Every structure is written in structure tokens, then in C-alpha cells.
Amino acid sequence: MPIKENAKKYMRVTKHKTLRNKIVKGVVKSAVKNTREAVASGDAATMKETFLKAQKAIDKAAAKGIIKKNTAARKKSRLNAAIKKATKA
């Protein structure tokens, strides 16, 4: 355990930030998962709707600094490519 007060405070702050980051990452993961399930089902309306939600969640996480900007772009790009491939077939 830390001895100094500022180290104790930093532990409390880190705990809260870690909890917030886990929640946001969970939202992103579930949104991506829902989009991938929609792609697998082949329903175009559901694909578009879930992709928009996933895109919003990814952008929010990137804006908060929870995931990196390039990671967010890569995730969105791969989801969009999967949707285009599914709609062509």
C-alpha cells in the first residue's frame, strides 16, 4: 500500500478510470459482436442499424482515448467491408 496521500489518491483515480474504460470497451465489443451476428444472418436492415451503433460506440471510445484512433478506423473499416461483402453475395 502507498504511504503518501497523493499515491493513495492516484490509486482511487486509477480504479475509477479503469472501471470506466472497461465499461466503454464492453459496449464497443458488444456492438461489434452484434454487427457481426447481423452480417452472418444476412438481414440488410439489421446490418445497417447495428453498424451505425457500432460506429458510434467506436468513435466515442476513440474520442475518450480508450482505444487508439487507428484501431477505431481499422475496426470500422473491417465491419464495413464485411457488410459490403455480405450484401454483394
Protein backbone atom coordinates (compact mmCIF):
# COMPACT_ATOMS: atom_id res chain seq x y z
CA MET A 1 0.00 0.00 0.00
CA PRO A 2 1.17 3.52 -0.73
CA ILE A 3 2.21 5.75 2.12
CA LYS A 4 1.86 9.21 0.58
CA GLU A 5 -1.56 10.81 0.23
CA ASN A 6 -1.12 11.64 -3.46
CA ALA A 7 -0.25 8.00 -4.18
CA LYS A 8 -3.41 6.88 -2.35
CA LYS A 9 -5.46 9.35 -4.35
CA TYR A 10 -3.86 8.14 -7.60
CA MET A 11 -4.91 4.58 -6.72
CA ARG A 12 -8.52 5.74 -6.25
CA VAL A 13 -8.46 7.69 -9.51
CA THR A 14 -6.97 4.74 -11.39
CA LYS A 15 -9.68 2.45 -10.03
CA HIS A 16 -12.44 4.72 -11.32
CA LYS A 17 -10.79 5.24 -14.70
CA THR A 18 -10.22 1.50 -15.13
CA LEU A 19 -13.87 0.81 -14.38
CA ARG A 20 -15.00 3.43 -16.91
CA ASN A 21 -12.63 2.07 -19.55
CA LYS A 22 -13.88 -1.49 -19.02
CA ILE A 23 -17.48 -0.37 -19.44
CA VAL A 24 -16.75 1.52 -22.66
CA LYS A 25 -14.68 -1.36 -24.07
CA GLY A 26 -17.55 -3.73 -23.25
CA VAL A 27 -20.00 -1.51 -25.13
CA VAL A 28 -17.68 -1.48 -28.15
CA LYS A 29 -17.17 -5.25 -28.08
CA SER A 30 -20.90 -5.98 -27.82
CA ALA A 31 -21.70 -3.53 -30.62
CA VAL A 32 -19.11 -5.15 -32.90
CA LYS A 33 -20.40 -8.61 -31.96
CA ASN A 34 -23.99 -7.61 -32.76
CA THR A 35 -22.89 -6.27 -36.13
CA ARG A 36 -21.00 -9.47 -36.95
CA GLU A 37 -24.09 -11.52 -35.99
CA ALA A 38 -26.24 -9.35 -38.24
CA VAL A 39 -23.77 -9.90 -41.10
CA ALA A 40 -23.95 -13.66 -40.50
CA SER A 41 -27.75 -13.58 -40.57
CA GLY A 42 -27.77 -11.60 -43.82
CA ASP A 43 -30.51 -9.11 -42.90
CA ALA A 44 -29.58 -5.83 -44.62
CA ALA A 45 -31.67 -3.55 -42.39
CA THR A 46 -30.27 -5.05 -39.21
CA MET A 47 -26.73 -4.86 -40.59
CA LYS A 48 -27.03 -1.14 -41.29
CA GLU A 49 -28.66 -0.39 -37.95
CA THR A 50 -26.12 -2.33 -35.89
CA PHE A 51 -23.21 -0.93 -37.90
CA LEU A 52 -24.29 2.62 -37.10
CA LYS A 53 -24.47 1.77 -33.39
CA ALA A 54 -21.06 0.09 -33.51
CA GLN A 55 -19.58 3.04 -35.38
CA LYS A 56 -20.92 5.44 -32.76
CA ALA A 57 -19.54 3.33 -29.89
CA ILE A 58 -16.14 3.01 -31.56
CA ASP A 59 -15.93 6.74 -32.25
CA LYS A 60 -16.83 7.58 -28.65
CA ALA A 61 -14.18 5.21 -27.32
CA ALA A 62 -11.58 6.73 -29.63
CA ALA A 63 -12.56 10.26 -28.62
CA LYS A 64 -12.15 9.37 -24.95
CA GLY A 65 -8.75 7.85 -25.64
CA ILE A 66 -9.79 4.35 -24.60
CA ILE A 67 -8.84 2.90 -27.97
CA LYS A 68 -6.42 4.46 -30.43
CA LYS A 69 -7.58 6.40 -33.47
CA ASN A 70 -6.12 3.90 -35.95
CA THR A 71 -7.63 0.97 -34.07
CA ALA A 72 -11.03 2.63 -34.31
CA ALA A 73 -10.58 3.24 -38.03
CA ARG A 74 -9.49 -0.37 -38.59
CA LYS A 75 -12.48 -1.79 -36.70
CA LYS A 76 -14.94 0.38 -38.64
CA SER A 77 -13.27 -0.45 -41.94
CA ARG A 78 -13.39 -4.20 -41.32
CA LEU A 79 -17.04 -4.09 -40.27
CA ASN A 80 -17.95 -2.04 -43.33
CA ALA A 81 -16.06 -4.44 -45.61
CA ALA A 82 -17.88 -7.41 -44.07
CA ILE A 83 -21.23 -5.70 -44.64
CA LYS A 84 -20.41 -4.88 -48.27
CA LYS A 85 -19.28 -8.45 -48.88
CA ALA A 86 -22.47 -9.83 -47.31
CA THR A 87 -24.74 -7.56 -49.35
CA LYS A 88 -22.99 -8.48 -52.62
CA ALA A 89 -23.48 -12.19 -52.05
